[in-house]
C-alpha atoms as a PDB file:
ATOM      1  CA  UNK A   1     -41.226  -9.538 -96.203  1.00  0.00           C
ATOM      2  CA  UNK A   2     -44.620 -10.892 -97.186  1.00  0.00           C
ATOM      3  CA  UNK A   3     -47.490 -11.861 -94.924  1.00  0.00           C
ATOM      4  CA  UNK A   4     -47.108 -15.571 -95.719  1.00  0.00           C
ATOM      5  CA  UNK A   5     -49.204 -18.483 -94.530  1.00  0.00           C
ATOM      6  CA  UNK A   6     -48.437 -18.016 -90.829  1.00  0.00           C
ATOM      7  CA  UNK A   7     -50.791 -15.065 -90.420  1.00  0.00           C
ATOM      8  CA  UNK A   8     -53.563 -16.685 -92.486  1.00  0.00           C
ATOM      9  CA  UNK A   9     -54.017 -19.712 -90.244  1.00  0.00           C
ATOM     10  CA  UNK A  10     -57.312 -19.785 -88.385  1.00  0.00           C
ATOM     11  CA  UNK A  11     -56.103 -19.581 -84.751  1.00  0.00           C
ATOM     12  CA  UNK A  12     -53.971 -16.558 -85.572  1.00  0.00           C
ATOM     13  CA  UNK A  13     -56.748 -14.608 -87.274  1.00  0.00           C
ATOM     14  CA  UNK A  14     -59.504 -15.445 -84.816  1.00  0.00           C
ATOM     15  CA  UNK A  15     -60.837 -12.529 -82.754  1.00  0.00           C
ATOM     16  CA  UNK A  16     -60.101 -12.614 -79.021  1.00  0.00           C
ATOM     17  CA  UNK A  17     -62.999 -12.448 -76.578  1.00  0.00           C
ATOM     18  CA  UNK A  18     -62.811  -9.399 -74.365  1.00  0.00           C
ATOM     19  CA  UNK A  19     -63.680  -9.146 -70.685  1.00  0.00           C
ATOM     20  CA  UNK A  20     -65.953  -6.163 -71.301  1.00  0.00           C
ATOM     21  CA  UNK A  21     -68.053  -8.060 -73.824  1.00  0.00           C
ATOM     22  CA  UNK A  22     -68.356 -11.019 -71.454  1.00  0.00           C
ATOM     23  CA  UNK A  23     -69.557  -8.774 -68.606  1.00  0.00           C
ATOM     24  CA  UNK A  24     -72.105  -7.150 -70.926  1.00  0.00           C
ATOM     25  CA  UNK A  25     -73.443 -10.549 -72.064  1.00  0.00           C
ATOM     26  CA  UNK A  26     -73.758 -11.748 -68.466  1.00  0.00           C
ATOM     27  CA  UNK A  27     -75.584  -8.563 -67.489  1.00  0.00           C
ATOM     28  CA  UNK A  28     -78.062  -8.958 -70.366  1.00  0.00           C
ATOM     29  CA  UNK A  29     -78.643 -12.632 -69.507  1.00  0.00           C
ATOM     30  CA  UNK A  30     -79.322 -11.749 -65.867  1.00  0.00           C
ATOM     31  CA  UNK A  31     -81.885  -9.120 -66.939  1.00  0.00           C
ATOM     32  CA  UNK A  32     -83.577 -11.703 -69.183  1.00  0.00           C
ATOM     33  CA  UNK A  33     -83.804 -14.131 -66.260  1.00  0.00           C
ATOM     34  CA  UNK A  34     -85.385 -11.508 -63.998  1.00  0.00           C
ATOM     35  CA  UNK A  35     -87.816 -10.550 -66.787  1.00  0.00           C
ATOM     36  CA  UNK A  36     -88.972 -14.187 -66.903  1.00  0.00           C
ATOM     37  CA  UNK A  37     -90.037 -13.858 -63.279  1.00  0.00           C
ATOM     38  CA  UNK A  38     -87.024 -15.036 -61.286  1.00  0.00           C
ATOM     39  CA  UNK A  39     -86.416 -13.344 -57.951  1.00  0.00           C
ATOM     40  CA  UNK A  40     -83.799 -10.625 -58.545  1.00  0.00           C
ATOM     41  CA  UNK A  41     -82.083 -11.168 -55.179  1.00  0.00           C
ATOM     42  CA  UNK A  42     -81.703 -14.905 -55.796  1.00  0.00           C
ATOM     43  CA  UNK A  43     -80.705 -14.383 -59.435  1.00  0.00           C
ATOM     44  CA  UNK A  44     -77.936 -11.986 -58.406  1.00  0.00           C
ATOM     45  CA  UNK A  45     -76.350 -14.759 -56.322  1.00  0.00           C
ATOM     46  CA  UNK A  46     -76.189 -17.197 -59.262  1.00  0.00           C
ATOM     47  CA  UNK A  47     -72.964 -17.594 -61.192  1.00  0.00           C
ATOM     48  CA  UNK A  48     -72.810 -17.155 -64.979  1.00  0.00           C
ATOM     49  CA  UNK A  49     -73.194 -20.873 -65.699  1.00  0.00           C
ATOM     50  CA  UNK A  50     -76.274 -21.196 -63.536  1.00  0.00           C
ATOM     51  CA  UNK A  51     -77.881 -18.188 -65.236  1.00  0.00           C
ATOM     52  CA  UNK A  52     -77.291 -19.732 -68.664  1.00  0.00           C
ATOM     53  CA  UNK A  53     -78.713 -23.072 -67.494  1.00  0.00           C
ATOM     54  CA  UNK A  54     -81.859 -21.341 -66.189  1.00  0.00           C
ATOM     55  CA  UNK A  55     -82.322 -19.445 -69.464  1.00  0.00           C
ATOM     56  CA  UNK A  56     -82.291 -22.717 -71.402  1.00  0.00           C
ATOM     57  CA  UNK A  57     -85.607 -23.656 -69.753  1.00  0.00           C
ATOM     58  CA  UNK A  58     -87.730 -20.466 -69.663  1.00  0.00           C
ATOM     59  CA  UNK A  59     -90.977 -22.388 -69.074  1.00  0.00           C
ATOM     60  CA  UNK A  60     -89.508 -23.888 -65.904  1.00  0.00           C
ATOM     61  CA  UNK A  61     -88.513 -20.427 -64.627  1.00  0.00           C
ATOM     62  CA  UNK A  62     -91.974 -19.027 -65.355  1.00  0.00           C
ATOM     63  CA  UNK A  63     -93.636 -21.973 -63.624  1.00  0.00           C
ATOM     64  CA  UNK A  64     -91.472 -21.541 -60.537  1.00  0.00           C
ATOM     65  CA  UNK A  65     -92.265 -17.819 -60.447  1.00  0.00           C
ATOM     66  CA  UNK A  66     -96.013 -18.516 -60.739  1.00  0.00           C
ATOM     67  CA  UNK A  67     -95.831 -21.116 -57.974  1.00  0.00           C
ATOM     68  CA  UNK A  68     -93.951 -18.687 -55.741  1.00  0.00           C
ATOM     69  CA  UNK A  69     -96.554 -15.956 -56.416  1.00  0.00           C
ATOM     70  CA  UNK A  70     -99.414 -18.145 -55.094  1.00  0.00           C
END
């Protein structure tokens, strides 16, 4: 038996995302958000989508942190 076309189709050969990699990415993103100046207690309560949204606008996060520091 050969390998044929079935195993060469894109969806079959695509790598599967793993849960461990996802957790690692979320952890790194949370650290980046805290490094920008976000409050770590508030950042820990955000879900993954909210963290990604906040990281899209780093200037906004820095401005909020500066305003909170005053």
